[in-house]
Amino acid sequence: MSAPIDLYYWPTPNGWKISIALEEMGLPYALHLVDITAGDQFDPAFLKIAPNNRMPAITDPEGPDGAPVSIFESGAILQYLARKTGQFCGTTERQRIAVDQWLMWQMGGVGPMAGQAHHFLQYAPAMEPPQDLPYAKDRYRAEVGRLYGVLDRQLAENEFVAGDFYSIADMAIWPWAHLWKRQEQRIDDKPHFARWLEAVGSRPAVQAGRALAAEKRGNISEDKKAQALLFKR
């Protein structure tokens, strides 16, 4: 049995990407909680692994050539794990291209835009002083809706995001997309998106990855200390 991968994690959409992937790939892992609401992401030991002070990150004791390797950025971690195991990245070059482009679409689009929607719709109005900004709320709400429209059209012709096979692209997008209510979206007009959300969410490994340390999730809207750490200006 391979040595466990060290997973540096907190139960957020970006964290779920990697916990889901590890569960899907059947890789053993050791959980290290990085409490971003308490400032753990600024610990010097963690910064040696993740210099951008963001989780998730991993350390694989059995990296390339058998030597340990540490990786930050969720998209890079997903690509590494897919290459390591030969799973969920497609079996042909065309499939791999499709996976990579939809993974990059998530990293450059859905993640940042949905994250901003969460911030301005859920968190900013609860700050001291309140930052209730209609322009920002409308902008990010609308952009997330546009992106989910793109996804719905892609899923009208494909069972999964990159084609007829489940991949790390689905694992990257689902953790953000299943929070559509918090992003003030509607899905009754996106039947293919809704079908995909249910199909991915019903997978046992997705449920296990989503449930990892779920009890640690708090309400940042009510946690002024966490706001000060996460939303420093």
Protein backbone atom coordinates (compact mmCIF):
# COMPACT_ATOMS: atom_id res chain seq x y z
CA MET A 1 0.00 0.00 0.00
CA SER A 2 1.31 3.44 -0.90
CA ALA A 3 2.20 5.97 1.77
CA PRO A 4 -0.60 8.41 2.63
CA ILE A 5 -0.65 11.78 0.92
CA ASP A 6 -0.68 14.69 3.37
CA LEU A 7 -3.77 16.79 2.64
CA TYR A 8 -3.80 20.38 3.95
CA TYR A 9 -7.46 21.24 3.89
CA TRP A 10 -10.44 23.20 5.12
CA PRO A 11 -14.04 22.41 4.10
CA THR A 12 -14.50 24.95 1.30
CA PRO A 13 -15.17 24.48 -2.42
CA ASN A 14 -11.46 24.48 -3.24
CA GLY A 15 -10.75 22.05 -0.43
CA TRP A 16 -13.56 19.74 -1.56
CA LYS A 17 -12.01 19.43 -5.01
CA ILE A 18 -9.06 17.57 -3.56
CA SER A 19 -10.86 15.55 -0.88
CA ILE A 20 -13.26 14.37 -3.61
CA ALA A 21 -10.39 13.50 -5.96
CA LEU A 22 -8.54 11.53 -3.29
CA GLU A 23 -11.71 9.61 -2.48
CA GLU A 24 -12.49 8.98 -6.15
CA MET A 25 -8.96 7.76 -6.86
CA GLY A 26 -8.80 5.55 -3.80
CA LEU A 27 -5.62 7.20 -2.55
CA PRO A 28 -4.83 7.04 1.17
CA TYR A 29 -4.38 10.43 2.79
CA ALA A 30 -3.64 12.00 6.14
CA LEU A 31 -5.78 15.01 6.96
CA HIS A 32 -4.19 18.22 8.24
CA LEU A 33 -6.79 20.89 8.95
CA VAL A 34 -5.81 24.43 7.99
CA ASP A 35 -8.33 26.58 9.84
CA ILE A 36 -8.51 29.61 7.58
CA THR A 37 -10.88 31.32 10.03
CA ALA A 38 -8.15 31.21 12.71
CA GLY A 39 -5.21 32.22 10.52
CA ASP A 40 -3.57 28.80 10.11
CA GLN A 41 -2.86 29.64 6.47
CA PHE A 42 -0.23 32.15 7.62
CA ASP A 43 1.77 29.66 9.67
CA PRO A 44 5.40 29.65 8.43
CA ALA A 45 5.43 25.85 8.17
CA PHE A 46 2.35 25.92 5.92
CA LEU A 47 3.78 28.75 3.82
CA LYS A 48 6.72 26.53 2.91
CA ILE A 49 4.21 24.24 1.22
CA ALA A 50 1.74 26.86 -0.02
CA PRO A 51 3.51 30.22 -0.41
CA ASN A 52 0.30 31.95 -1.55
CA ASN A 53 -1.22 31.24 1.91
CA ARG A 54 -4.15 29.38 0.42
CA MET A 55 -5.30 25.84 0.92
CA PRO A 56 -5.62 23.15 -0.31
CA ALA A 57 -2.13 21.81 -0.66
CA ILE A 58 -0.67 18.34 -0.59
CA THR A 59 2.62 16.63 0.10
CA ASP A 60 3.10 13.30 -1.61
CA PRO A 61 5.89 11.32 0.06
CA GLU A 62 6.07 9.18 -3.07
CA GLY A 63 6.38 11.89 -5.69
CA PRO A 64 8.30 11.84 -8.97
CA ASP A 65 11.28 9.47 -8.88
CA GLY A 66 10.12 8.35 -5.44
CA ALA A 67 11.03 11.66 -3.81
CA PRO A 68 8.53 13.78 -1.83
CA VAL A 69 6.80 16.64 -3.60
CA SER A 70 4.57 19.43 -2.27
CA ILE A 71 1.96 21.06 -4.49
CA PHE A 72 -0.33 24.05 -4.03
CA GLU A 73 -3.17 25.33 -6.27
CA SER A 74 -6.13 23.00 -6.56
CA GLY A 75 -5.99 22.72 -10.35
CA ALA A 76 -2.33 21.73 -10.29
CA ILE A 77 -3.05 19.18 -7.56
CA LEU A 78 -5.87 17.64 -9.58
CA GLN A 79 -3.68 17.35 -12.67
CA TYR A 80 -0.87 15.79 -10.65
CA LEU A 81 -3.14 13.22 -8.99
CA ALA A 82 -4.73 12.33 -12.33
CA ARG A 83 -1.32 11.78 -13.91
CA LYS A 84 -0.08 9.84 -10.89
CA THR A 85 -2.99 7.42 -10.97
CA GLY A 86 -3.86 7.48 -14.66
CA GLN A 87 -7.47 8.17 -13.71
CA PHE A 88 -10.11 10.78 -14.58
CA CYS A 89 -8.02 12.67 -17.15
CA GLY A 90 -9.15 11.01 -20.36
CA THR A 91 -7.57 8.19 -22.34
CA THR A 92 -6.83 10.01 -25.61
CA GLU A 93 -5.10 13.29 -26.35
CA ARG A 94 -8.38 14.86 -27.46
CA GLN A 95 -10.02 13.82 -24.20
CA ARG A 96 -7.10 15.20 -22.20
CA ILE A 97 -7.38 18.51 -24.05
CA ALA A 98 -11.10 18.66 -23.23
CA VAL A 99 -10.44 17.93 -19.55
CA ASP A 100 -7.70 20.54 -19.33
CA GLN A 101 -9.72 23.30 -20.99
CA TRP A 102 -12.75 22.79 -18.73
CA LEU A 103 -10.49 22.57 -15.68
CA MET A 104 -8.91 25.90 -16.69
CA TRP A 105 -12.41 27.29 -17.28
CA GLN A 106 -13.22 26.48 -13.68
CA MET A 107 -9.96 27.88 -12.33
CA GLY A 108 -10.20 31.11 -14.31
CA GLY A 109 -13.97 31.56 -14.34
CA VAL A 110 -16.34 29.68 -12.07
CA GLY A 111 -14.09 29.67 -9.00
CA PRO A 112 -13.15 33.36 -8.98
CA MET A 113 -16.58 34.61 -10.07
CA ALA A 114 -18.56 32.40 -7.70
CA GLY A 115 -16.13 33.31 -4.92
CA GLN A 116 -16.76 37.01 -5.54
CA ALA A 117 -20.51 36.33 -5.64
CA HIS A 118 -20.26 34.65 -2.24
CA HIS A 119 -18.27 37.58 -0.90
CA PHE A 120 -20.50 40.41 -2.07
CA LEU A 121 -23.83 38.62 -1.63
CA GLN A 122 -23.17 36.83 1.68
CA TYR A 123 -20.22 38.32 3.52
CA ALA A 124 -19.71 41.97 2.60
CA PRO A 125 -23.16 43.11 3.77
CA ALA A 126 -22.41 41.61 7.21
CA MET A 127 -19.07 43.37 7.64
CA GLU A 128 -18.39 46.32 9.93
CA PRO A 129 -19.25 48.74 8.47
CA PRO A 130 -21.62 46.94 6.09
CA GLN A 131 -20.49 46.82 2.47
CA ASP A 132 -23.79 46.32 0.67
CA LEU A 133 -22.80 47.16 -2.89
CA PRO A 134 -25.57 46.69 -5.49
CA TYR A 135 -23.21 47.04 -8.47
CA ALA A 136 -20.84 44.33 -7.20
CA LYS A 137 -23.71 42.04 -6.25
CA ASP A 138 -25.36 42.42 -9.67
CA ARG A 139 -22.06 42.03 -11.54
CA TYR A 140 -20.98 38.76 -9.94
CA ARG A 141 -24.46 37.30 -9.74
CA ALA A 142 -24.87 37.90 -13.47
CA GLU A 143 -21.44 36.56 -14.40
CA VAL A 144 -21.98 33.34 -12.45
CA GLY A 145 -25.31 32.96 -14.22
CA ARG A 146 -23.62 33.44 -17.59
CA LEU A 147 -21.02 30.78 -16.77
CA TYR A 148 -23.66 28.30 -15.65
CA GLY A 149 -25.44 28.93 -18.95
CA VAL A 150 -22.23 27.98 -20.77
CA LEU A 151 -22.04 24.83 -18.66
CA ASP A 152 -25.69 23.94 -19.30
CA ARG A 153 -25.13 24.17 -23.06
CA GLN A 154 -22.05 21.97 -22.82
CA LEU A 155 -23.95 19.41 -20.77
CA ALA A 156 -26.81 19.38 -23.27
CA GLU A 157 -24.50 17.46 -25.58
CA ASN A 158 -22.32 15.61 -23.06
CA GLU A 159 -23.01 13.43 -20.05
CA PHE A 160 -20.16 15.05 -18.14
CA VAL A 161 -18.28 18.29 -18.57
CA ALA A 162 -15.48 17.06 -20.85
CA GLY A 163 -17.48 14.41 -22.69
CA ASP A 164 -19.06 11.05 -21.93
CA PHE A 165 -16.61 10.33 -19.11
CA TYR A 166 -16.30 11.64 -15.56
CA SER A 167 -13.10 13.59 -14.94
CA ILE A 168 -11.18 15.97 -12.71
CA ALA A 169 -12.99 18.78 -14.54
CA ASP A 170 -16.26 17.63 -12.98
CA MET A 171 -14.54 17.33 -9.60
CA ALA A 172 -13.31 20.91 -9.91
CA ILE A 173 -16.60 22.49 -10.98
CA TRP A 174 -19.13 20.65 -8.83
CA PRO A 175 -17.96 21.97 -5.40
CA TRP A 176 -18.66 25.54 -6.54
CA ALA A 177 -21.70 24.80 -8.70
CA HIS A 178 -23.65 22.89 -6.05
CA LEU A 179 -23.70 26.10 -3.99
CA TRP A 180 -25.81 27.82 -6.65
CA LYS A 181 -28.41 28.97 -4.11
CA ARG A 182 -25.79 30.95 -2.16
CA GLN A 183 -24.82 32.56 -5.46
CA GLU A 184 -28.48 33.54 -5.95
CA GLN A 185 -28.86 31.52 -9.12
CA ARG A 186 -31.75 29.59 -10.61
CA ILE A 187 -31.45 26.20 -12.25
CA ASP A 188 -35.02 25.56 -13.36
CA ASP A 189 -33.99 27.03 -16.71
CA LYS A 190 -30.82 24.90 -16.87
CA PRO A 191 -32.06 21.29 -16.96
CA HIS A 192 -28.77 19.77 -18.11
CA PHE A 193 -26.85 21.57 -15.40
CA ALA A 194 -29.40 20.36 -12.83
CA ARG A 195 -29.16 16.78 -14.12
CA TRP A 196 -25.35 16.89 -13.86
CA LEU A 197 -25.41 18.37 -10.35
CA GLU A 198 -27.53 15.47 -9.13
CA ALA A 199 -25.51 12.82 -10.97
CA VAL A 200 -22.16 14.01 -9.63
CA GLY A 201 -23.54 14.70 -6.16
CA SER A 202 -24.88 11.14 -5.88
CA ARG A 203 -21.43 9.57 -6.27
CA PRO A 204 -20.28 8.02 -2.97
CA ALA A 205 -16.77 9.46 -3.28
CA VAL A 206 -18.17 12.95 -3.89
CA GLN A 207 -20.37 12.63 -0.83
CA ALA A 208 -17.42 11.42 1.26
CA GLY A 209 -15.16 14.22 0.05
CA ARG A 210 -17.85 16.82 0.62
CA ALA A 211 -18.48 15.52 4.14
CA LEU A 212 -14.83 15.65 5.23
CA ALA A 213 -14.63 17.81 8.37
CA ALA A 214 -18.01 19.31 7.47
CA GLU A 215 -18.65 20.01 11.15
CA LYS A 216 -15.86 22.62 11.01
CA ARG A 217 -17.74 24.87 8.60
CA GLY A 218 -18.97 27.99 10.33
CA ASN A 219 -20.93 31.07 9.37
CA ILE A 220 -18.34 33.65 8.37
CA SER A 221 -21.11 36.23 8.07
CA GLU A 222 -21.40 36.10 11.86
CA ASP A 223 -17.70 35.67 12.69
CA LYS A 224 -16.03 39.08 12.87
CA LYS A 225 -12.63 37.61 13.75
CA ALA A 226 -12.71 35.36 10.72
CA GLN A 227 -13.77 38.29 8.54
CA ALA A 228 -10.79 40.30 9.74
CA LEU A 229 -8.43 37.46 8.82
CA LEU A 230 -10.00 36.55 5.50
CA PHE A 231 -10.92 39.99 4.19
CA LYS A 232 -7.92 42.07 5.24
CA ARG A 233 -7.65 45.40 3.46
